[in-house]
Amino acid sequence: MQTPIPSFKKLLVATDFSASSGTAFQVALNLCNELGASLLVLHAFEYGSVVPPETGGQLIAIEDIYEKARQSLNDLLTRAQQVGVVCEISIERGIASPRILDKIRSAKIDLAILGTNSLKGFERFVFGSTAEEVLRKSPCPVVTVGPRVFNAEVTVEGPIVFATDFDRSTIHAIHSAASLGRLTKSSVHCLHVVPRIVGRGGQHSIIPEVMNETLQRVVSESGADITRPICVTTYDDEISNGIVDYARKEKARLIVLGVRQASMIASHAPAHIAYQVISAAPCPVMTVAFSSPSHSRSVQQLVSTTL
């Protein structure tokens, strides 16, 4: 069955009014202007709406916070309108991750944008965070703006880097990379990272050539519309470091990864690699979640068919 071409006409950005959410909002505005897309700005109000009588004036205090949140949303609406983005705002009471996922589904969102400020501890970011829950369960691609993305107001002219380990669950993401590349007139670099130990010794000099041919085959078999994709194999002991270093060197505007929908606690290494990339990347990271790894082909199978 042919994979449908992704559309990016309706974007959602979730905000808690933190600095990281501010950066994510600017990324969302930039994308909307490039893609000709509309924007929905969502805030999940996580304070309880009902309090017991003995708390006295606490209900009034909560409603004051609610009104301040609504005013902050109105300020973001004004900013979007000032740069010509068609925008609406929404405030939903409840825990952030289910409210965001519900809105993505009900509003038929094509792309969601989140911010995260988790510099203090990889585990704190991975397990149980709003970003983890949303990008793992979202029916649409999710752009996560990590803590090292500082220049959101600058238009990035670099390539889109699609990184793959050749698992079919990650290869699906190439269609989103291709579609964004076409719409933003960005080149697409297809990247595979090989452990350094594999590349040691002259007998392995053929590996980059084989891997690059395999990447070319992945693009061809996927049916993704990429004009002259740049296929690159690089070496690093840590896959996430290899991806981030390549993105930094090429001044990438976006990294694209495929992730499995299983819980990060239960899933395999590539899912953890996605979080390591998000935490360290100098640019936003788009993840595309897929549920079934059962039809995946190993790197060895793909390389053997290339040879």
C-alpha atoms as a PDB file:
ATOM      1  CA  MET A   1       0.000   0.000   0.000  1.00  0.00           C
ATOM      2  CA  GLN A   2       1.392   3.386  -1.007  1.00  0.00           C
ATOM      3  CA  THR A   3       2.195   5.767   1.823  1.00  0.00           C
ATOM      4  CA  PRO A   4       0.098   8.960   1.567  1.00  0.00           C
ATOM      5  CA  ILE A   5       1.970  12.208   1.002  1.00  0.00           C
ATOM      6  CA  PRO A   6       2.008  14.156   4.293  1.00  0.00           C
ATOM      7  CA  SER A   7       0.187  17.481   4.366  1.00  0.00           C
ATOM      8  CA  PHE A   8       1.203  20.314   6.647  1.00  0.00           C
ATOM      9  CA  LYS A   9      -1.698  22.752   6.475  1.00  0.00           C
ATOM     10  CA  LYS A  10      -2.851  22.708  10.110  1.00  0.00           C
ATOM     11  CA  LEU A  11      -0.220  23.117  12.808  1.00  0.00           C
ATOM     12  CA  LEU A  12      -0.588  23.007  16.583  1.00  0.00           C
ATOM     13  CA  VAL A  13       1.835  24.427  19.125  1.00  0.00           C
ATOM     14  CA  ALA A  14       1.381  23.556  22.787  1.00  0.00           C
ATOM     15  CA  THR A  15       2.536  26.165  25.287  1.00  0.00           C
ATOM     16  CA  ASP A  16       2.981  26.472  29.029  1.00  0.00           C
ATOM     17  CA  PHE A  17       4.364  30.020  28.578  1.00  0.00           C
ATOM     18  CA  SER A  18       7.892  28.948  29.557  1.00  0.00           C
ATOM     19  CA  ALA A  19      11.017  30.056  27.689  1.00  0.00           C
ATOM     20  CA  SER A  20      11.159  26.737  25.827  1.00  0.00           C
ATOM     21  CA  SER A  21       7.533  27.129  24.773  1.00  0.00           C
ATOM     22  CA  GLY A  22       8.378  30.607  23.513  1.00  0.00           C
ATOM     23  CA  THR A  23      11.073  29.176  21.268  1.00  0.00           C
ATOM     24  CA  ALA A  24       8.656  26.492  20.050  1.00  0.00           C
ATOM     25  CA  PHE A  25       6.077  29.184  19.265  1.00  0.00           C
ATOM     26  CA  GLN A  26       8.586  31.071  17.119  1.00  0.00           C
ATOM     27  CA  VAL A  27       9.483  27.844  15.293  1.00  0.00           C
ATOM     28  CA  ALA A  28       5.757  27.294  14.674  1.00  0.00           C
ATOM     29  CA  LEU A  29       5.355  30.819  13.240  1.00  0.00           C
ATOM     30  CA  ASN A  30       8.334  30.293  10.928  1.00  0.00           C
ATOM     31  CA  LEU A  31       6.890  27.003   9.668  1.00  0.00           C
ATOM     32  CA  CYS A  32       3.410  28.461   9.169  1.00  0.00           C
ATOM     33  CA  ASN A  33       4.802  31.283   7.047  1.00  0.00           C
ATOM     34  CA  GLU A  34       6.868  28.884   4.942  1.00  0.00           C
ATOM     35  CA  LEU A  35       4.138  26.278   4.528  1.00  0.00           C
ATOM     36  CA  GLY A  36       1.154  28.623   4.216  1.00  0.00           C
ATOM     37  CA  ALA A  37      -0.346  26.816   7.202  1.00  0.00           C
ATOM     38  CA  SER A  38      -2.752  27.885   9.934  1.00  0.00           C
ATOM     39  CA  LEU A  39      -1.856  27.627  13.623  1.00  0.00           C
ATOM     40  CA  LEU A  40      -3.704  26.471  16.716  1.00  0.00           C
ATOM     41  CA  VAL A  41      -2.084  27.553  20.002  1.00  0.00           C
ATOM     42  CA  LEU A  42      -3.082  25.277  22.883  1.00  0.00           C
ATOM     43  CA  HIS A  43      -2.586  25.685  26.617  1.00  0.00           C
ATOM     44  CA  ALA A  44      -3.502  22.867  28.998  1.00  0.00           C
ATOM     45  CA  PHE A  45      -4.659  24.410  32.287  1.00  0.00           C
ATOM     46  CA  GLU A  46      -3.633  21.805  34.835  1.00  0.00           C
ATOM     47  CA  TYR A  47      -5.050  23.474  37.958  1.00  0.00           C
ATOM     48  CA  GLY A  48      -8.192  21.908  39.466  1.00  0.00           C
ATOM     49  CA  SER A  49     -11.424  23.751  38.708  1.00  0.00           C
ATOM     50  CA  VAL A  50     -13.154  22.618  41.917  1.00  0.00           C
ATOM     51  CA  VAL A  51     -11.794  23.176  45.429  1.00  0.00           C
ATOM     52  CA  PRO A  52     -13.292  22.312  48.812  1.00  0.00           C
ATOM     53  CA  PRO A  53     -15.024  25.133  50.771  1.00  0.00           C
ATOM     54  CA  GLU A  54     -12.413  25.138  53.554  1.00  0.00           C
ATOM     55  CA  THR A  55      -9.793  26.463  51.121  1.00  0.00           C
ATOM     56  CA  GLY A  56     -11.451  29.853  51.304  1.00  0.00           C
ATOM     57  CA  GLY A  57     -10.251  32.117  48.504  1.00  0.00           C
ATOM     58  CA  GLN A  58      -8.218  29.534  46.625  1.00  0.00           C
ATOM     59  CA  LEU A  59     -10.848  29.139  43.919  1.00  0.00           C
ATOM     60  CA  ILE A  60     -10.581  32.847  43.182  1.00  0.00           C
ATOM     61  CA  ALA A  61      -6.790  32.536  42.969  1.00  0.00           C
ATOM     62  CA  ILE A  62      -7.088  29.663  40.502  1.00  0.00           C
ATOM     63  CA  GLU A  63      -9.493  31.644  38.346  1.00  0.00           C
ATOM     64  CA  ASP A  64      -7.033  34.550  38.402  1.00  0.00           C
ATOM     65  CA  ILE A  65      -4.348  32.203  37.070  1.00  0.00           C
ATOM     66  CA  TYR A  66      -6.790  30.995  34.425  1.00  0.00           C
ATOM     67  CA  GLU A  67      -7.462  34.554  33.251  1.00  0.00           C
ATOM     68  CA  LYS A  68      -3.735  35.302  33.119  1.00  0.00           C
ATOM     69  CA  ALA A  69      -3.251  32.208  30.990  1.00  0.00           C
ATOM     70  CA  ARG A  70      -6.018  33.321  28.652  1.00  0.00           C
ATOM     71  CA  GLN A  71      -4.437  36.767  28.360  1.00  0.00           C
ATOM     72  CA  SER A  72      -1.072  35.173  27.559  1.00  0.00           C
ATOM     73  CA  LEU A  73      -2.785  33.184  24.809  1.00  0.00           C
ATOM     74  CA  ASN A  74      -4.323  36.382  23.454  1.00  0.00           C
ATOM     75  CA  ASP A  75      -0.851  37.935  23.361  1.00  0.00           C
ATOM     76  CA  LEU A  76       0.406  35.003  21.292  1.00  0.00           C
ATOM     77  CA  LEU A  77      -2.615  35.323  19.001  1.00  0.00           C
ATOM     78  CA  THR A  78      -1.726  38.974  18.403  1.00  0.00           C
ATOM     79  CA  ARG A  79       1.898  38.085  17.627  1.00  0.00           C
ATOM     80  CA  ALA A  80       0.795  35.476  15.089  1.00  0.00           C
ATOM     81  CA  GLN A  81      -1.616  37.864  13.392  1.00  0.00           C
ATOM     82  CA  GLN A  82       1.067  40.542  13.179  1.00  0.00           C
ATOM     83  CA  VAL A  83       3.224  38.266  11.018  1.00  0.00           C
ATOM     84  CA  GLY A  84       0.302  37.173   8.844  1.00  0.00           C
ATOM     85  CA  VAL A  85      -0.372  33.729  10.328  1.00  0.00           C
ATOM     86  CA  VAL A  86      -3.993  32.578  10.513  1.00  0.00           C
ATOM     87  CA  CYS A  87      -4.278  31.597  14.152  1.00  0.00           C
ATOM     88  CA  GLU A  88      -6.706  30.488  16.822  1.00  0.00           C
ATOM     89  CA  ILE A  89      -6.206  29.804  20.512  1.00  0.00           C
ATOM     90  CA  SER A  90      -7.584  27.201  22.879  1.00  0.00           C
ATOM     91  CA  ILE A  91      -7.317  26.623  26.612  1.00  0.00           C
ATOM     92  CA  GLU A  92      -8.273  23.199  27.930  1.00  0.00           C
ATOM     93  CA  ARG A  93      -8.541  22.132  31.565  1.00  0.00           C
ATOM     94  CA  GLY A  94      -6.671  18.943  32.421  1.00  0.00           C
ATOM     95  CA  ILE A  95      -3.323  17.154  32.226  1.00  0.00           C
ATOM     96  CA  ALA A  96      -1.246  18.400  29.318  1.00  0.00           C
ATOM     97  CA  SER A  97      -0.432  15.237  27.353  1.00  0.00           C
ATOM     98  CA  PRO A  98      -3.988  13.831  26.982  1.00  0.00           C
ATOM     99  CA  ARG A  99      -5.373  17.300  26.226  1.00  0.00           C
ATOM    100  CA  ILE A 100      -2.766  17.841  23.513  1.00  0.00           C
ATOM    101  CA  LEU A 101      -3.395  14.416  21.980  1.00  0.00           C
ATOM    102  CA  ASP A 102      -7.180  14.930  22.074  1.00  0.00           C
ATOM    103  CA  LYS A 103      -6.828  18.283  20.309  1.00  0.00           C
ATOM    104  CA  ILE A 104      -4.487  16.848  17.675  1.00  0.00           C
ATOM    105  CA  ARG A 105      -7.119  14.248  16.828  1.00  0.00           C
ATOM    106  CA  SER A 106     -10.250  16.413  17.066  1.00  0.00           C
ATOM    107  CA  ALA A 107      -8.780  19.328  15.102  1.00  0.00           C
ATOM    108  CA  LYS A 108      -7.142  16.993  12.548  1.00  0.00           C
ATOM    109  CA  ILE A 109      -3.730  18.531  13.076  1.00  0.00           C
ATOM    110  CA  ASP A 110      -1.006  17.750  10.511  1.00  0.00           C
ATOM    111  CA  LEU A 111       2.007  18.721  12.609  1.00  0.00           C
ATOM    112  CA  ALA A 112       2.438  19.420  16.333  1.00  0.00           C
ATOM    113  CA  ILE A 113       5.210  21.528  17.867  1.00  0.00           C
ATOM    114  CA  LEU A 114       6.399  21.231  21.475  1.00  0.00           C
ATOM    115  CA  GLY A 115       9.160  22.775  23.559  1.00  0.00           C
ATOM    116  CA  THR A 116      11.193  21.092  26.251  1.00  0.00           C
ATOM    117  CA  ASN A 117      13.706  22.642  28.639  1.00  0.00           C
ATOM    118  CA  SER A 118      15.110  19.415  30.046  1.00  0.00           C
ATOM    119  CA  LEU A 119      18.836  20.007  30.308  1.00  0.00           C
ATOM    120  CA  LYS A 120      19.093  18.492  33.792  1.00  0.00           C
ATOM    121  CA  GLY A 121      19.035  14.765  33.407  1.00  0.00           C
ATOM    122  CA  PHE A 122      18.254  12.541  30.466  1.00  0.00           C
ATOM    123  CA  GLU A 123      16.043  10.226  32.533  1.00  0.00           C
ATOM    124  CA  ARG A 124      13.894  13.147  33.706  1.00  0.00           C
ATOM    125  CA  PHE A 125      13.197  14.036  30.095  1.00  0.00           C
ATOM    126  CA  VAL A 126      12.546  10.523  28.825  1.00  0.00           C
ATOM    127  CA  PHE A 127      10.278   8.950  31.376  1.00  0.00           C
ATOM    128  CA  GLY A 128       6.832  10.395  31.934  1.00  0.00           C
ATOM    129  CA  SER A 129       7.289  13.822  30.372  1.00  0.00           C
ATOM    130  CA  THR A 130       4.617  15.548  28.300  1.00  0.00           C
ATOM    131  CA  ALA A 131       6.908  15.517  25.258  1.00  0.00           C
ATOM    132  CA  GLU A 132       7.538  11.773  25.605  1.00  0.00           C
ATOM    133  CA  GLU A 133       3.830  10.964  25.839  1.00  0.00           C
ATOM    134  CA  VAL A 134       2.832  13.165  22.907  1.00  0.00           C
ATOM    135  CA  LEU A 135       5.507  12.236  20.409  1.00  0.00           C
ATOM    136  CA  ARG A 136       5.051   8.537  21.189  1.00  0.00           C
ATOM    137  CA  LYS A 137       1.253   8.535  20.724  1.00  0.00           C
ATOM    138  CA  SER A 138       0.585  11.357  18.291  1.00  0.00           C
ATOM    139  CA  PRO A 139      -1.111  10.359  15.019  1.00  0.00           C
ATOM    140  CA  CYS A 140       0.798  13.147  13.257  1.00  0.00           C
ATOM    141  CA  PRO A 141       4.494  14.058  13.195  1.00  0.00           C
ATOM    142  CA  VAL A 142       5.768  16.034  16.182  1.00  0.00           C
ATOM    143  CA  VAL A 143       8.483  18.688  16.134  1.00  0.00           C
ATOM    144  CA  THR A 144      10.223  18.942  19.506  1.00  0.00           C
ATOM    145  CA  VAL A 145      12.269  22.060  20.128  1.00  0.00           C
ATOM    146  CA  GLY A 146      14.997  20.977  22.530  1.00  0.00           C
ATOM    147  CA  PRO A 147      16.921  22.971  25.122  1.00  0.00           C
ATOM    148  CA  ARG A 148      19.836  23.745  22.802  1.00  0.00           C
ATOM    149  CA  VAL A 149      17.780  25.436  20.079  1.00  0.00           C
ATOM    150  CA  PHE A 150      18.534  29.130  20.541  1.00  0.00           C
ATOM    151  CA  ASN A 151      18.127  30.809  17.158  1.00  0.00           C
ATOM    152  CA  ALA A 152      14.464  30.172  16.433  1.00  0.00           C
ATOM    153  CA  GLU A 153      13.967  33.712  15.091  1.00  0.00           C
ATOM    154  CA  VAL A 154      16.597  33.224  12.411  1.00  0.00           C
ATOM    155  CA  THR A 155      15.404  31.647   9.162  1.00  0.00           C
ATOM    156  CA  VAL A 156      17.451  28.490   8.753  1.00  0.00           C
ATOM    157  CA  GLU A 157      18.500  27.702   5.217  1.00  0.00           C
ATOM    158  CA  GLY A 158      20.254  24.421   5.965  1.00  0.00           C
ATOM    159  CA  PRO A 159      19.185  20.906   4.963  1.00  0.00           C
ATOM    160  CA  ILE A 160      16.704  18.520   6.520  1.00  0.00           C
ATOM    161  CA  VAL A 161      18.607  15.536   7.929  1.00  0.00           C
ATOM    162  CA  PHE A 162      16.717  12.239   7.846  1.00  0.00           C
ATOM    163  CA  ALA A 163      18.547   9.718  10.033  1.00  0.00           C
ATOM    164  CA  THR A 164      17.736   6.021   9.753  1.00  0.00           C
ATOM    165  CA  ASP A 165      18.884   2.666  11.102  1.00  0.00           C
ATOM    166  CA  PHE A 166      16.979   0.998   8.209  1.00  0.00           C
ATOM    167  CA  ASP A 167      14.185  -0.280  10.452  1.00  0.00           C
ATOM    168  CA  ARG A 168      10.880  -0.037   8.579  1.00  0.00           C
ATOM    169  CA  SER A 169       9.351   1.899  11.471  1.00  0.00           C
ATOM    170  CA  THR A 170      11.901   4.656  10.898  1.00  0.00           C
ATOM    171  CA  ILE A 171      11.875   4.476   7.114  1.00  0.00           C
ATOM    172  CA  HIS A 172       8.215   5.601   7.103  1.00  0.00           C
ATOM    173  CA  ALA A 173       9.443   8.966   8.381  1.00  0.00           C
ATOM    174  CA  ILE A 174      11.205   9.654   5.103  1.00  0.00           C
ATOM    175  CA  HIS A 175       7.894  10.713   3.548  1.00  0.00           C
ATOM    176  CA  SER A 176       7.518  13.498   6.090  1.00  0.00           C
ATOM    177  CA  ALA A 177      11.117  14.569   5.495  1.00  0.00           C
ATOM    178  CA  ALA A 178      10.564  14.559   1.737  1.00  0.00           C
ATOM    179  CA  SER A 179       7.324  16.517   1.945  1.00  0.00           C
ATOM    180  CA  LEU A 180       8.824  19.201   4.191  1.00  0.00           C
ATOM    181  CA  GLY A 181      11.892  19.390   1.981  1.00  0.00           C
ATOM    182  CA  ARG A 182       9.744  19.967  -1.095  1.00  0.00           C
ATOM    183  CA  LEU A 183       7.489  22.550   0.591  1.00  0.00           C
ATOM    184  CA  THR A 184      10.351  24.519   2.151  1.00  0.00           C
ATOM    185  CA  LYS A 185      12.715  24.072  -0.821  1.00  0.00           C
ATOM    186  CA  SER A 186      15.254  22.421   1.480  1.00  0.00           C
ATOM    187  CA  SER A 187      17.661  19.685   0.476  1.00  0.00           C
ATOM    188  CA  VAL A 188      17.251  16.326   2.231  1.00  0.00           C
ATOM    189  CA  HIS A 189      20.274  14.482   3.581  1.00  0.00           C
ATOM    190  CA  CYS A 190      19.756  10.767   4.328  1.00  0.00           C
ATOM    191  CA  LEU A 191      22.127   9.739   7.122  1.00  0.00           C
ATOM    192  CA  HIS A 192      23.229   6.438   8.630  1.00  0.00           C
ATOM    193  CA  VAL A 193      25.679   6.264  11.550  1.00  0.00           C
ATOM    194  CA  VAL A 194      28.026   3.277  11.798  1.00  0.00           C
ATOM    195  CA  PRO A 195      29.989   2.443  15.007  1.00  0.00           C
ATOM    196  CA  ARG A 196      33.637   3.505  14.731  1.00  0.00           C
ATOM    197  CA  ILE A 197      34.897   0.007  15.454  1.00  0.00           C
ATOM    198  CA  VAL A 198      33.259  -1.225  12.246  1.00  0.00           C
ATOM    199  CA  GLY A 199      35.139   1.347  10.220  1.00  0.00           C
ATOM    200  CA  ARG A 200      38.604   0.538  11.587  1.00  0.00           C
ATOM    201  CA  GLY A 201      40.968  -1.224   9.235  1.00  0.00           C
ATOM    202  CA  GLY A 202      41.446  -1.009   5.489  1.00  0.00           C
ATOM    203  CA  GLN A 203      39.270  -4.055   4.859  1.00  0.00           C
ATOM    204  CA  HIS A 204      36.228  -1.961   5.789  1.00  0.00           C
ATOM    205  CA  SER A 205      36.867   0.815   3.283  1.00  0.00           C
ATOM    206  CA  ILE A 206      33.958  -0.433   1.173  1.00  0.00           C
ATOM    207  CA  ILE A 207      31.432   0.130   4.011  1.00  0.00           C
ATOM    208  CA  PRO A 208      30.609   3.796   3.252  1.00  0.00           C
ATOM    209  CA  GLU A 209      30.033   2.972  -0.418  1.00  0.00           C
ATOM    210  CA  VAL A 210      27.754   0.035   0.440  1.00  0.00           C
ATOM    211  CA  MET A 211      25.818   2.006   3.051  1.00  0.00           C
ATOM    212  CA  ASN A 212      25.329   4.962   0.736  1.00  0.00           C
ATOM    213  CA  GLU A 213      24.011   2.646  -1.962  1.00  0.00           C
ATOM    214  CA  THR A 214      21.678   1.151   0.642  1.00  0.00           C
ATOM    215  CA  LEU A 215      20.423   4.615   1.586  1.00  0.00           C
ATOM    216  CA  GLN A 216      19.779   5.352  -2.083  1.00  0.00           C
ATOM    217  CA  ARG A 217      17.796   2.110  -2.292  1.00  0.00           C
ATOM    218  CA  VAL A 218      15.769   3.039   0.807  1.00  0.00           C
ATOM    219  CA  VAL A 219      14.767   6.313  -0.831  1.00  0.00           C
ATOM    220  CA  SER A 220      13.883   4.573  -4.085  1.00  0.00           C
ATOM    221  CA  GLU A 221      11.833   1.812  -2.441  1.00  0.00           C
ATOM    222  CA  SER A 222       9.983   4.252  -0.175  1.00  0.00           C
ATOM    223  CA  GLY A 223       8.557   6.171  -3.137  1.00  0.00           C
ATOM    224  CA  ALA A 224       9.394   9.435  -1.342  1.00  0.00           C
ATOM    225  CA  ASP A 225       9.594  12.451  -3.631  1.00  0.00           C
ATOM    226  CA  ILE A 226      13.168  13.624  -3.026  1.00  0.00           C
ATOM    227  CA  THR A 227      15.059  15.364  -5.792  1.00  0.00           C
ATOM    228  CA  ARG A 228      18.718  14.350  -5.725  1.00  0.00           C
ATOM    229  CA  PRO A 229      18.910  13.174  -2.089  1.00  0.00           C
ATOM    230  CA  ILE A 230      22.325  13.412  -0.470  1.00  0.00           C
ATOM    231  CA  CYS A 231      23.137  10.046   1.134  1.00  0.00           C
ATOM    232  CA  VAL A 232      25.843  10.030   3.788  1.00  0.00           C
ATOM    233  CA  THR A 233      27.378   7.410   6.081  1.00  0.00           C
ATOM    234  CA  THR A 234      29.340   8.626   9.090  1.00  0.00           C
ATOM    235  CA  TYR A 235      31.094   6.946  12.016  1.00  0.00           C
ATOM    236  CA  ASP A 236      30.592   7.484  15.734  1.00  0.00           C
ATOM    237  CA  ASP A 237      30.620   5.320  18.856  1.00  0.00           C
ATOM    238  CA  GLU A 238      27.339   6.956  19.920  1.00  0.00           C
ATOM    239  CA  ILE A 239      24.665   7.060  17.211  1.00  0.00           C
ATOM    240  CA  SER A 240      23.005  10.121  18.717  1.00  0.00           C
ATOM    241  CA  ASN A 241      26.330  11.995  18.754  1.00  0.00           C
ATOM    242  CA  GLY A 242      26.886  11.112  15.119  1.00  0.00           C
ATOM    243  CA  ILE A 243      23.481  12.502  14.137  1.00  0.00           C
ATOM    244  CA  VAL A 244      23.857  15.686  16.195  1.00  0.00           C
ATOM    245  CA  ASP A 245      27.427  16.329  15.019  1.00  0.00           C
ATOM    246  CA  TYR A 246      26.407  15.918  11.377  1.00  0.00           C
ATOM    247  CA  ALA A 247      23.427  18.261  11.852  1.00  0.00           C
ATOM    248  CA  ARG A 248      25.669  20.842  13.520  1.00  0.00           C
ATOM    249  CA  LYS A 249      28.315  20.622  10.788  1.00  0.00           C
ATOM    250  CA  GLU A 250      25.743  21.000   8.009  1.00  0.00           C
ATOM    251  CA  LYS A 251      23.806  23.722   9.900  1.00  0.00           C
ATOM    252  CA  ALA A 252      20.666  21.613   9.539  1.00  0.00           C
ATOM    253  CA  ARG A 253      17.295  23.275   9.932  1.00  0.00           C
ATOM    254  CA  LEU A 254      15.621  20.059  11.091  1.00  0.00           C
ATOM    255  CA  ILE A 255      16.403  16.459  12.029  1.00  0.00           C
ATOM    256  CA  VAL A 256      13.803  13.800  11.161  1.00  0.00           C
ATOM    257  CA  LEU A 257      13.599  10.480  13.035  1.00  0.00           C
ATOM    258  CA  GLY A 258      11.204   7.570  13.118  1.00  0.00           C
ATOM    259  CA  VAL A 259      10.266   6.224  16.562  1.00  0.00           C
ATOM    260  CA  ARG A 260       8.207   3.294  17.766  1.00  0.00           C
ATOM    261  CA  GLN A 261       5.007   3.949  19.684  1.00  0.00           C
ATOM    262  CA  ALA A 262       5.876   1.504  22.480  1.00  0.00           C
ATOM    263  CA  SER A 263       6.736   2.941  25.877  1.00  0.00           C
ATOM    264  CA  MET A 264      10.283   4.235  26.054  1.00  0.00           C
ATOM    265  CA  ILE A 265      10.845   1.907  29.019  1.00  0.00           C
ATOM    266  CA  ALA A 266       9.964  -1.126  26.907  1.00  0.00           C
ATOM    267  CA  SER A 267      11.269  -0.094  23.520  1.00  0.00           C
ATOM    268  CA  HIS A 268      14.627  -0.714  21.921  1.00  0.00           C
ATOM    269  CA  ALA A 269      17.678   1.529  21.723  1.00  0.00           C
ATOM    270  CA  PRO A 270      16.574   3.640  18.720  1.00  0.00           C
ATOM    271  CA  ALA A 271      13.774   5.186  20.779  1.00  0.00           C
ATOM    272  CA  HIS A 272      16.242   6.264  23.446  1.00  0.00           C
ATOM    273  CA  ILE A 273      18.500   7.606  20.720  1.00  0.00           C
ATOM    274  CA  ALA A 274      15.662   9.881  19.615  1.00  0.00           C
ATOM    275  CA  TYR A 275      15.575  11.467  23.067  1.00  0.00           C
ATOM    276  CA  GLN A 276      19.320  11.841  23.203  1.00  0.00           C
ATOM    277  CA  VAL A 277      19.192  13.614  19.846  1.00  0.00           C
ATOM    278  CA  ILE A 278      16.398  15.955  20.987  1.00  0.00           C
ATOM    279  CA  SER A 279      18.309  16.833  24.155  1.00  0.00           C
ATOM    280  CA  ALA A 280      21.507  17.745  22.293  1.00  0.00           C
ATOM    281  CA  ALA A 281      20.396  18.909  18.829  1.00  0.00           C
ATOM    282  CA  PRO A 282      21.088  22.506  17.760  1.00  0.00           C
ATOM    283  CA  CYS A 283      17.903  22.443  15.661  1.00  0.00           C
ATOM    284  CA  PRO A 284      14.340  21.155  16.124  1.00  0.00           C
ATOM    285  CA  VAL A 285      13.746  17.407  15.781  1.00  0.00           C
ATOM    286  CA  MET A 286      10.717  15.942  14.032  1.00  0.00           C
ATOM    287  CA  THR A 287       9.648  12.459  15.098  1.00  0.00           C
ATOM    288  CA  VAL A 288       7.186  10.232  13.255  1.00  0.00           C
ATOM    289  CA  ALA A 289       5.773   7.410  15.400  1.00  0.00           C
ATOM    290  CA  PHE A 290       4.803   4.017  14.040  1.00  0.00           C
ATOM    291  CA  SER A 291       3.444   1.050  15.933  1.00  0.00           C
ATOM    292  CA  SER A 292       4.712  -2.070  14.238  1.00  0.00           C
ATOM    293  CA  PRO A 293       8.368  -3.100  14.004  1.00  0.00           C
ATOM    294  CA  SER A 294       7.335  -6.572  12.858  1.00  0.00           C
ATOM    295  CA  HIS A 295       7.890  -5.864   9.172  1.00  0.00           C
ATOM    296  CA  SER A 296      11.336  -4.377   9.649  1.00  0.00           C
ATOM    297  CA  ARG A 297      14.343  -5.606   7.757  1.00  0.00           C
ATOM    298  CA  SER A 298      17.724  -5.646   9.420  1.00  0.00           C
ATOM    299  CA  VAL A 299      20.714  -3.641   8.225  1.00  0.00           C
ATOM    300  CA  GLN A 300      22.407  -6.904   7.320  1.00  0.00           C
ATOM    301  CA  GLN A 301      19.489  -7.889   5.031  1.00  0.00           C
ATOM    302  CA  LEU A 302      19.474  -4.523   3.301  1.00  0.00           C
ATOM    303  CA  VAL A 303      23.236  -4.481   2.866  1.00  0.00           C
ATOM    304  CA  SER A 304      23.290  -8.069   1.535  1.00  0.00           C
ATOM    305  CA  THR A 305      20.641  -7.243  -1.087  1.00  0.00           C
ATOM    306  CA  THR A 306      22.649  -4.174  -2.091  1.00  0.00           C
ATOM    307  CA  LEU A 307      25.793  -6.272  -2.466  1.00  0.00           C
END
